[in-house]
Amino acid sequence: MNPLLIALIAWAAMAVVMVVLYLLQRATKDAGAVDVGWAGGVGALAVFYAVVGDGDTTRKLLLGALAGLWSLRLAGFLLKDRVLAGSEDGRYRMLREKWGHRTQRNLFIFFQVQAFWAVLFSVPFLPVAYHDQPVFGGFDLAAIAVWVVALAGETIADRQLARFRANPQNRGKTCRAGLWRYSRHPNYFFEWVHWFTYVFLAIGSPYVWLTLAGPVVMLLFLYKVTGIPYTEKQALLSRGDDYRRYQETTSAFVPWFPKKRAE
């Protein structure tokens, strides 16, 4: 099947999914489902591409397994953290306040934009699904190693933060435990690392350059769009000076040793 046609089918499917989630949002007054839909949708598209692609069968199975498991973990975490937690994520509460009576119209557009982003982030899977070189070569083993490190780092960071938040004595404080001592956003860092998995899996394909869209676009999103800017704005509102001190001493993204704070 033509890759462009596949991408258009994927976009149509994600648009329908996001309409359903938008209607759910109207009923629950909680827009967090869009994050779950995005994470689950990207993984579902990887599996879809693996099924319809013309590449090596083992390589396609590897693509479906790695992207599917990544998606399942992330969607499950977001479902627990942003939908079943009982209150809407602070980012969406801010948007509701900002948009006022235009909230529902803007949220519908926002959900459809997320459908487009899901398809955009699925583009790196296509060169892998159409790559006919058999596995397992050195680059394929590197891809698996990157995936393991990224998923382990992201899982550990999420659990450390959840454990910190579960302690009532930490209310209003900033997590500096474990990986959070070395990066203000270790979960984002390992999410970014994860996208290099598909770069390695596609090496040898004439379209390997398309896989660079994963790490490049993800870095752009994390730094300029929905990641660090919104998260840190919310953290400053809720934790004030404690978070400012954290910003002064701790790397924003790449884990590194903390700096001594100038008094």
C-alpha atoms as a PDB file:
ATOM      1  CA  MET A   1       0.000   0.000   0.000  1.00  0.00           C
ATOM      2  CA  ASN A   2       1.227   3.508  -0.830  1.00  0.00           C
ATOM      3  CA  PRO A   3       2.782   5.189   2.255  1.00  0.00           C
ATOM      4  CA  LEU A   4       1.031   8.501   1.523  1.00  0.00           C
ATOM      5  CA  LEU A   5      -2.348   6.755   1.400  1.00  0.00           C
ATOM      6  CA  ILE A   6      -1.521   4.988   4.661  1.00  0.00           C
ATOM      7  CA  ALA A   7      -0.705   8.331   6.312  1.00  0.00           C
ATOM      8  CA  LEU A   8      -4.010   9.820   5.102  1.00  0.00           C
ATOM      9  CA  ILE A   9      -5.943   6.826   6.488  1.00  0.00           C
ATOM     10  CA  ALA A  10      -4.073   7.252   9.767  1.00  0.00           C
ATOM     11  CA  TRP A  11      -4.998  10.944   9.905  1.00  0.00           C
ATOM     12  CA  ALA A  12      -8.678  10.206   9.260  1.00  0.00           C
ATOM     13  CA  ALA A  13      -8.709   7.538  11.970  1.00  0.00           C
ATOM     14  CA  MET A  14      -7.031   9.807  14.523  1.00  0.00           C
ATOM     15  CA  ALA A  15      -9.445  12.645  13.666  1.00  0.00           C
ATOM     16  CA  VAL A  16     -12.391  10.354  14.486  1.00  0.00           C
ATOM     17  CA  VAL A  17     -10.736   9.215  17.737  1.00  0.00           C
ATOM     18  CA  MET A  18     -10.210  12.829  18.795  1.00  0.00           C
ATOM     19  CA  VAL A  19     -13.856  13.730  18.066  1.00  0.00           C
ATOM     20  CA  VAL A  20     -14.910  10.930  20.427  1.00  0.00           C
ATOM     21  CA  LEU A  21     -12.466  12.112  23.096  1.00  0.00           C
ATOM     22  CA  TYR A  22     -13.638  15.703  22.650  1.00  0.00           C
ATOM     23  CA  LEU A  23     -17.234  14.620  23.317  1.00  0.00           C
ATOM     24  CA  LEU A  24     -16.001  12.730  26.384  1.00  0.00           C
ATOM     25  CA  GLN A  25     -14.285  15.932  27.525  1.00  0.00           C
ATOM     26  CA  ARG A  26     -17.567  17.843  27.210  1.00  0.00           C
ATOM     27  CA  ALA A  27     -19.260  15.309  29.467  1.00  0.00           C
ATOM     28  CA  THR A  28     -16.503  15.049  32.094  1.00  0.00           C
ATOM     29  CA  LYS A  29     -15.112  18.633  31.986  1.00  0.00           C
ATOM     30  CA  ASP A  30     -11.648  17.087  31.852  1.00  0.00           C
ATOM     31  CA  ALA A  31      -9.460  17.459  28.751  1.00  0.00           C
ATOM     32  CA  GLY A  32      -6.766  15.068  29.992  1.00  0.00           C
ATOM     33  CA  ALA A  33      -8.115  12.295  27.767  1.00  0.00           C
ATOM     34  CA  VAL A  34      -6.481  14.021  24.782  1.00  0.00           C
ATOM     35  CA  ASP A  35      -3.036  13.101  26.147  1.00  0.00           C
ATOM     36  CA  VAL A  36      -4.036   9.461  26.556  1.00  0.00           C
ATOM     37  CA  GLY A  37      -5.488   9.476  23.040  1.00  0.00           C
ATOM     38  CA  TRP A  38      -2.313  10.960  21.583  1.00  0.00           C
ATOM     39  CA  ALA A  39      -0.001   8.460  23.301  1.00  0.00           C
ATOM     40  CA  GLY A  40      -2.200   5.454  22.536  1.00  0.00           C
ATOM     41  CA  GLY A  41      -2.861   6.662  19.000  1.00  0.00           C
ATOM     42  CA  VAL A  42       0.816   6.993  18.068  1.00  0.00           C
ATOM     43  CA  GLY A  43       1.466   3.430  19.220  1.00  0.00           C
ATOM     44  CA  ALA A  44      -1.618   2.136  17.388  1.00  0.00           C
ATOM     45  CA  LEU A  45      -0.391   3.797  14.188  1.00  0.00           C
ATOM     46  CA  ALA A  46       2.982   2.065  14.560  1.00  0.00           C
ATOM     47  CA  VAL A  47       1.203  -1.301  14.772  1.00  0.00           C
ATOM     48  CA  PHE A  48      -0.963  -0.361  11.773  1.00  0.00           C
ATOM     49  CA  TYR A  49       2.101   0.543   9.695  1.00  0.00           C
ATOM     50  CA  ALA A  50       3.780  -2.703  10.748  1.00  0.00           C
ATOM     51  CA  VAL A  51       0.775  -4.659   9.464  1.00  0.00           C
ATOM     52  CA  VAL A  52       0.399  -2.921   6.084  1.00  0.00           C
ATOM     53  CA  GLY A  53       4.069  -2.065   5.355  1.00  0.00           C
ATOM     54  CA  ASP A  54       6.085  -3.983   2.760  1.00  0.00           C
ATOM     55  CA  GLY A  55       9.317  -4.272   4.767  1.00  0.00           C
ATOM     56  CA  ASP A  56      11.051  -7.196   6.405  1.00  0.00           C
ATOM     57  CA  THR A  57       8.590  -9.147   8.564  1.00  0.00           C
ATOM     58  CA  THR A  58      10.870  -9.427  11.591  1.00  0.00           C
ATOM     59  CA  ARG A  59      11.690  -5.729  11.421  1.00  0.00           C
ATOM     60  CA  LYS A  60       7.982  -4.881  11.312  1.00  0.00           C
ATOM     61  CA  LEU A  61       7.321  -7.140  14.304  1.00  0.00           C
ATOM     62  CA  LEU A  62      10.104  -5.363  16.175  1.00  0.00           C
ATOM     63  CA  LEU A  63       8.620  -1.977  15.277  1.00  0.00           C
ATOM     64  CA  GLY A  64       5.151  -2.985  16.455  1.00  0.00           C
ATOM     65  CA  ALA A  65       6.487  -4.456  19.699  1.00  0.00           C
ATOM     66  CA  LEU A  66       8.786  -1.566  20.660  1.00  0.00           C
ATOM     67  CA  ALA A  67       6.450   1.283  19.698  1.00  0.00           C
ATOM     68  CA  GLY A  68       3.402  -0.569  21.002  1.00  0.00           C
ATOM     69  CA  LEU A  69       4.911  -1.267  24.428  1.00  0.00           C
ATOM     70  CA  TRP A  70       6.208   2.311  24.700  1.00  0.00           C
ATOM     71  CA  SER A  71       2.737   3.618  23.843  1.00  0.00           C
ATOM     72  CA  LEU A  72       0.987   1.245  26.248  1.00  0.00           C
ATOM     73  CA  ARG A  73       3.190   2.323  29.164  1.00  0.00           C
ATOM     74  CA  LEU A  74       2.841   6.028  28.434  1.00  0.00           C
ATOM     75  CA  ALA A  75      -0.917   5.911  27.796  1.00  0.00           C
ATOM     76  CA  GLY A  76      -1.439   3.899  30.984  1.00  0.00           C
ATOM     77  CA  PHE A  77       0.601   6.369  33.024  1.00  0.00           C
ATOM     78  CA  LEU A  78      -1.269   9.365  31.569  1.00  0.00           C
ATOM     79  CA  LEU A  79      -4.626   7.677  32.160  1.00  0.00           C
ATOM     80  CA  LYS A  80      -3.781   7.202  35.832  1.00  0.00           C
ATOM     81  CA  ASP A  81      -2.061  10.569  36.298  1.00  0.00           C
ATOM     82  CA  ARG A  82      -4.307  12.907  34.263  1.00  0.00           C
ATOM     83  CA  VAL A  83      -7.698  11.245  33.887  1.00  0.00           C
ATOM     84  CA  LEU A  84      -8.309   9.027  36.920  1.00  0.00           C
ATOM     85  CA  ALA A  85      -6.591  11.414  39.346  1.00  0.00           C
ATOM     86  CA  GLY A  86      -9.883  13.222  39.978  1.00  0.00           C
ATOM     87  CA  SER A  87      -8.939  16.735  38.857  1.00  0.00           C
ATOM     88  CA  GLU A  88      -8.065  18.237  35.486  1.00  0.00           C
ATOM     89  CA  ASP A  89      -4.410  18.868  34.704  1.00  0.00           C
ATOM     90  CA  GLY A  90      -3.299  22.411  35.539  1.00  0.00           C
ATOM     91  CA  ARG A  91      -2.402  23.179  31.918  1.00  0.00           C
ATOM     92  CA  TYR A  92      -5.972  22.642  30.779  1.00  0.00           C
ATOM     93  CA  ARG A  93      -7.415  24.597  33.695  1.00  0.00           C
ATOM     94  CA  MET A  94      -5.225  27.522  32.620  1.00  0.00           C
ATOM     95  CA  LEU A  95      -6.475  27.218  29.046  1.00  0.00           C
ATOM     96  CA  ARG A  96     -10.117  27.216  30.176  1.00  0.00           C
ATOM     97  CA  GLU A  97      -9.521  30.405  32.158  1.00  0.00           C
ATOM     98  CA  LYS A  98      -7.712  32.018  29.236  1.00  0.00           C
ATOM     99  CA  TRP A  99     -10.281  31.039  26.576  1.00  0.00           C
ATOM    100  CA  GLY A 100     -13.450  31.765  28.561  1.00  0.00           C
ATOM    101  CA  HIS A 101     -16.621  31.386  26.468  1.00  0.00           C
ATOM    102  CA  ARG A 102     -14.523  30.192  23.482  1.00  0.00           C
ATOM    103  CA  THR A 103     -13.267  27.155  25.420  1.00  0.00           C
ATOM    104  CA  GLN A 104     -15.290  24.439  23.703  1.00  0.00           C
ATOM    105  CA  ARG A 105     -14.615  25.741  20.214  1.00  0.00           C
ATOM    106  CA  ASN A 106     -10.904  26.041  20.926  1.00  0.00           C
ATOM    107  CA  LEU A 107     -10.749  22.630  22.572  1.00  0.00           C
ATOM    108  CA  PHE A 108     -12.321  21.016  19.511  1.00  0.00           C
ATOM    109  CA  ILE A 109      -9.610  22.602  17.361  1.00  0.00           C
ATOM    110  CA  PHE A 110      -6.981  21.608  19.923  1.00  0.00           C
ATOM    111  CA  PHE A 111      -8.098  17.966  19.869  1.00  0.00           C
ATOM    112  CA  GLN A 112      -7.952  17.896  16.066  1.00  0.00           C
ATOM    113  CA  VAL A 113      -4.489  19.460  16.113  1.00  0.00           C
ATOM    114  CA  GLN A 114      -3.461  16.603  18.413  1.00  0.00           C
ATOM    115  CA  ALA A 115      -4.740  14.162  15.787  1.00  0.00           C
ATOM    116  CA  PHE A 116      -2.427  15.807  13.264  1.00  0.00           C
ATOM    117  CA  TRP A 117       0.501  15.728  15.699  1.00  0.00           C
ATOM    118  CA  ALA A 118      -0.085  12.015  16.328  1.00  0.00           C
ATOM    119  CA  VAL A 119       0.243  11.349  12.588  1.00  0.00           C
ATOM    120  CA  LEU A 120       3.309  13.605  12.373  1.00  0.00           C
ATOM    121  CA  PHE A 121       5.000  11.706  15.195  1.00  0.00           C
ATOM    122  CA  SER A 122       4.132   8.419  13.508  1.00  0.00           C
ATOM    123  CA  VAL A 123       6.070   9.380  10.349  1.00  0.00           C
ATOM    124  CA  PRO A 124       9.374   7.888  11.695  1.00  0.00           C
ATOM    125  CA  PHE A 125       7.667   4.487  11.807  1.00  0.00           C
ATOM    126  CA  LEU A 126       7.016   4.430   8.048  1.00  0.00           C
ATOM    127  CA  PRO A 127      10.668   4.031   6.892  1.00  0.00           C
ATOM    128  CA  VAL A 128      11.008   1.155   9.363  1.00  0.00           C
ATOM    129  CA  ALA A 129       7.808  -0.532   8.154  1.00  0.00           C
ATOM    130  CA  TYR A 130       9.056  -0.334   4.544  1.00  0.00           C
ATOM    131  CA  HIS A 131      12.688  -1.235   5.266  1.00  0.00           C
ATOM    132  CA  ASP A 132      13.367  -4.635   3.637  1.00  0.00           C
ATOM    133  CA  GLN A 133      16.798  -5.319   5.165  1.00  0.00           C
ATOM    134  CA  PRO A 134      16.680  -8.310   7.565  1.00  0.00           C
ATOM    135  CA  VAL A 135      17.423  -7.897  11.262  1.00  0.00           C
ATOM    136  CA  PHE A 136      19.517  -8.306  13.475  1.00  0.00           C
ATOM    137  CA  GLY A 137      22.445  -6.077  12.652  1.00  0.00           C
ATOM    138  CA  GLY A 138      24.458  -3.832  14.936  1.00  0.00           C
ATOM    139  CA  PHE A 139      22.143  -0.854  14.413  1.00  0.00           C
ATOM    140  CA  ASP A 140      19.107  -2.966  15.309  1.00  0.00           C
ATOM    141  CA  LEU A 141      20.756  -4.023  18.568  1.00  0.00           C
ATOM    142  CA  ALA A 142      21.580  -0.357  19.228  1.00  0.00           C
ATOM    143  CA  ALA A 143      17.905   0.494  18.658  1.00  0.00           C
ATOM    144  CA  ILE A 144      16.820  -2.065  21.252  1.00  0.00           C
ATOM    145  CA  ALA A 145      19.440  -0.793  23.720  1.00  0.00           C
ATOM    146  CA  VAL A 146      18.263   2.815  23.284  1.00  0.00           C
ATOM    147  CA  TRP A 147      14.649   1.735  23.747  1.00  0.00           C
ATOM    148  CA  VAL A 148      15.447  -0.175  26.964  1.00  0.00           C
ATOM    149  CA  VAL A 149      17.429   2.734  28.454  1.00  0.00           C
ATOM    150  CA  ALA A 150      14.767   5.275  27.478  1.00  0.00           C
ATOM    151  CA  LEU A 151      11.812   3.276  28.774  1.00  0.00           C
ATOM    152  CA  ALA A 152      13.621   2.397  32.009  1.00  0.00           C
ATOM    153  CA  GLY A 153      14.623   6.032  32.599  1.00  0.00           C
ATOM    154  CA  GLU A 154      11.143   7.350  31.906  1.00  0.00           C
ATOM    155  CA  THR A 155       9.511   4.730  34.128  1.00  0.00           C
ATOM    156  CA  ILE A 156      11.923   5.359  37.009  1.00  0.00           C
ATOM    157  CA  ALA A 157      11.448   9.142  36.762  1.00  0.00           C
ATOM    158  CA  ASP A 158       7.653   8.818  36.761  1.00  0.00           C
ATOM    159  CA  ARG A 159       7.679   6.491  39.766  1.00  0.00           C
ATOM    160  CA  GLN A 160      10.073   8.679  41.747  1.00  0.00           C
ATOM    161  CA  LEU A 161       7.847  11.709  41.164  1.00  0.00           C
ATOM    162  CA  ALA A 162       4.675   9.761  42.017  1.00  0.00           C
ATOM    163  CA  ARG A 163       6.250   8.501  45.253  1.00  0.00           C
ATOM    164  CA  PHE A 164       7.259  12.046  46.195  1.00  0.00           C
ATOM    165  CA  ARG A 165       3.799  13.457  45.498  1.00  0.00           C
ATOM    166  CA  ALA A 166       2.110  10.683  47.472  1.00  0.00           C
ATOM    167  CA  ASN A 167       3.702  11.979  50.699  1.00  0.00           C
ATOM    168  CA  PRO A 168       1.468  14.743  52.168  1.00  0.00           C
ATOM    169  CA  GLN A 169       4.535  16.313  53.827  1.00  0.00           C
ATOM    170  CA  ASN A 170       5.877  17.199  50.358  1.00  0.00           C
ATOM    171  CA  ARG A 171       2.936  19.416  49.433  1.00  0.00           C
ATOM    172  CA  GLY A 172       4.251  22.682  48.006  1.00  0.00           C
ATOM    173  CA  LYS A 173       7.775  21.287  47.676  1.00  0.00           C
ATOM    174  CA  THR A 174       9.835  20.364  44.615  1.00  0.00           C
ATOM    175  CA  CYS A 175      10.923  16.788  43.971  1.00  0.00           C
ATOM    176  CA  ARG A 176      14.709  16.432  44.040  1.00  0.00           C
ATOM    177  CA  ALA A 177      14.760  12.665  44.510  1.00  0.00           C
ATOM    178  CA  GLY A 178      16.676  10.292  42.256  1.00  0.00           C
ATOM    179  CA  LEU A 179      16.811  11.429  38.635  1.00  0.00           C
ATOM    180  CA  TRP A 180      15.059  14.680  39.560  1.00  0.00           C
ATOM    181  CA  ARG A 181      18.221  15.769  41.360  1.00  0.00           C
ATOM    182  CA  TYR A 182      20.040  15.872  38.002  1.00  0.00           C
ATOM    183  CA  SER A 183      17.326  17.141  35.658  1.00  0.00           C
ATOM    184  CA  ARG A 184      14.178  19.212  36.126  1.00  0.00           C
ATOM    185  CA  HIS A 185      12.501  17.063  33.491  1.00  0.00           C
ATOM    186  CA  PRO A 186      14.142  13.604  33.351  1.00  0.00           C
ATOM    187  CA  ASN A 187      10.889  12.074  32.076  1.00  0.00           C
ATOM    188  CA  TYR A 188      10.971  14.431  29.088  1.00  0.00           C
ATOM    189  CA  PHE A 189      14.649  13.705  28.465  1.00  0.00           C
ATOM    190  CA  PHE A 190      14.143   9.945  28.271  1.00  0.00           C
ATOM    191  CA  GLU A 191      11.018  10.419  26.154  1.00  0.00           C
ATOM    192  CA  TRP A 192      13.200  12.327  23.689  1.00  0.00           C
ATOM    193  CA  VAL A 193      15.904   9.627  23.780  1.00  0.00           C
ATOM    194  CA  HIS A 194      13.256   7.021  22.939  1.00  0.00           C
ATOM    195  CA  TRP A 195      12.743   8.489  19.452  1.00  0.00           C
ATOM    196  CA  PHE A 196      16.294   7.600  18.417  1.00  0.00           C
ATOM    197  CA  THR A 197      15.143   3.962  18.507  1.00  0.00           C
ATOM    198  CA  TYR A 198      13.491   4.336  15.111  1.00  0.00           C
ATOM    199  CA  VAL A 199      16.446   6.209  13.627  1.00  0.00           C
ATOM    200  CA  PHE A 200      18.620   3.155  14.292  1.00  0.00           C
ATOM    201  CA  LEU A 201      15.944   0.734  13.077  1.00  0.00           C
ATOM    202  CA  ALA A 202      15.703   2.580   9.739  1.00  0.00           C
ATOM    203  CA  ILE A 203      19.441   2.845   9.001  1.00  0.00           C
ATOM    204  CA  GLY A 204      20.008   1.356   5.566  1.00  0.00           C
ATOM    205  CA  SER A 205      16.663   2.593   4.270  1.00  0.00           C
ATOM    206  CA  PRO A 206      16.753   5.382   1.636  1.00  0.00           C
ATOM    207  CA  TYR A 207      14.209   7.234   3.762  1.00  0.00           C
ATOM    208  CA  VAL A 208      16.074   7.044   7.054  1.00  0.00           C
ATOM    209  CA  TRP A 209      16.165  10.877   7.129  1.00  0.00           C
ATOM    210  CA  LEU A 210      12.405  10.881   7.814  1.00  0.00           C
ATOM    211  CA  THR A 211      13.004   9.221  11.181  1.00  0.00           C
ATOM    212  CA  LEU A 212      14.890  12.319  12.356  1.00  0.00           C
ATOM    213  CA  ALA A 213      11.477  13.991  12.564  1.00  0.00           C
ATOM    214  CA  GLY A 214      10.953  12.064  15.805  1.00  0.00           C
ATOM    215  CA  PRO A 215      13.770  13.457  17.985  1.00  0.00           C
ATOM    216  CA  VAL A 216      13.811  16.861  16.242  1.00  0.00           C
ATOM    217  CA  VAL A 217      10.074  17.571  16.528  1.00  0.00           C
ATOM    218  CA  MET A 218       9.903  16.107  20.034  1.00  0.00           C
ATOM    219  CA  LEU A 219      12.734  18.396  21.184  1.00  0.00           C
ATOM    220  CA  LEU A 220      10.936  21.374  19.661  1.00  0.00           C
ATOM    221  CA  PHE A 221       7.692  20.451  21.406  1.00  0.00           C
ATOM    222  CA  LEU A 222       9.338  19.872  24.758  1.00  0.00           C
ATOM    223  CA  TYR A 223      11.269  23.148  24.712  1.00  0.00           C
ATOM    224  CA  LYS A 224       8.895  25.498  22.913  1.00  0.00           C
ATOM    225  CA  VAL A 225       5.335  24.157  22.752  1.00  0.00           C
ATOM    226  CA  THR A 226       3.632  21.880  25.305  1.00  0.00           C
ATOM    227  CA  GLY A 227       6.413  20.533  27.515  1.00  0.00           C
ATOM    228  CA  ILE A 228       8.809  22.555  29.634  1.00  0.00           C
ATOM    229  CA  PRO A 229       7.231  26.057  29.260  1.00  0.00           C
ATOM    230  CA  TYR A 230       3.776  25.034  30.538  1.00  0.00           C
ATOM    231  CA  THR A 231       5.113  22.658  33.184  1.00  0.00           C
ATOM    232  CA  GLU A 232       7.496  25.230  34.654  1.00  0.00           C
ATOM    233  CA  LYS A 233       4.908  28.011  34.569  1.00  0.00           C
ATOM    234  CA  GLN A 234       2.563  25.808  36.597  1.00  0.00           C
ATOM    235  CA  ALA A 235       5.390  24.804  38.957  1.00  0.00           C
ATOM    236  CA  LEU A 236       6.281  28.448  39.656  1.00  0.00           C
ATOM    237  CA  LEU A 237       2.641  29.231  40.431  1.00  0.00           C
ATOM    238  CA  SER A 238       2.315  26.334  42.862  1.00  0.00           C
ATOM    239  CA  ARG A 239       5.808  26.172  44.415  1.00  0.00           C
ATOM    240  CA  GLY A 240       7.179  29.683  44.006  1.00  0.00           C
ATOM    241  CA  ASP A 241      10.648  30.351  45.433  1.00  0.00           C
ATOM    242  CA  ASP A 242      11.346  26.678  46.073  1.00  0.00           C
ATOM    243  CA  TYR A 243      11.039  25.983  42.346  1.00  0.00           C
ATOM    244  CA  ARG A 244      13.068  29.082  41.455  1.00  0.00           C
ATOM    245  CA  ARG A 245      15.924  27.743  43.587  1.00  0.00           C
ATOM    246  CA  TYR A 246      15.536  24.406  41.799  1.00  0.00           C
ATOM    247  CA  GLN A 247      15.805  26.181  38.430  1.00  0.00           C
ATOM    248  CA  GLU A 248      19.016  27.906  39.524  1.00  0.00           C
ATOM    249  CA  THR A 249      20.791  24.676  40.462  1.00  0.00           C
ATOM    250  CA  THR A 250      19.369  21.930  38.245  1.00  0.00           C
ATOM    251  CA  SER A 251      19.743  21.246  34.515  1.00  0.00           C
ATOM    252  CA  ALA A 252      16.508  21.874  32.607  1.00  0.00           C
ATOM    253  CA  PHE A 253      16.719  18.786  30.407  1.00  0.00           C
ATOM    254  CA  VAL A 254      19.904  16.714  30.056  1.00  0.00           C
ATOM    255  CA  PRO A 255      20.741  15.083  33.421  1.00  0.00           C
ATOM    256  CA  TRP A 256      23.833  16.693  34.946  1.00  0.00           C
ATOM    257  CA  PHE A 257      25.334  17.364  38.340  1.00  0.00           C
ATOM    258  CA  PRO A 258      23.576  20.164  40.278  1.00  0.00           C
ATOM    259  CA  LYS A 259      25.208  23.569  40.500  1.00  0.00           C
ATOM    260  CA  LYS A 260      25.882  25.302  43.783  1.00  0.00           C
ATOM    261  CA  ARG A 261      23.420  28.109  44.295  1.00  0.00           C
ATOM    262  CA  ALA A 262      24.889  31.605  44.568  1.00  0.00           C
ATOM    263  CA  GLU A 263      23.630  33.320  47.721  1.00  0.00           C
END
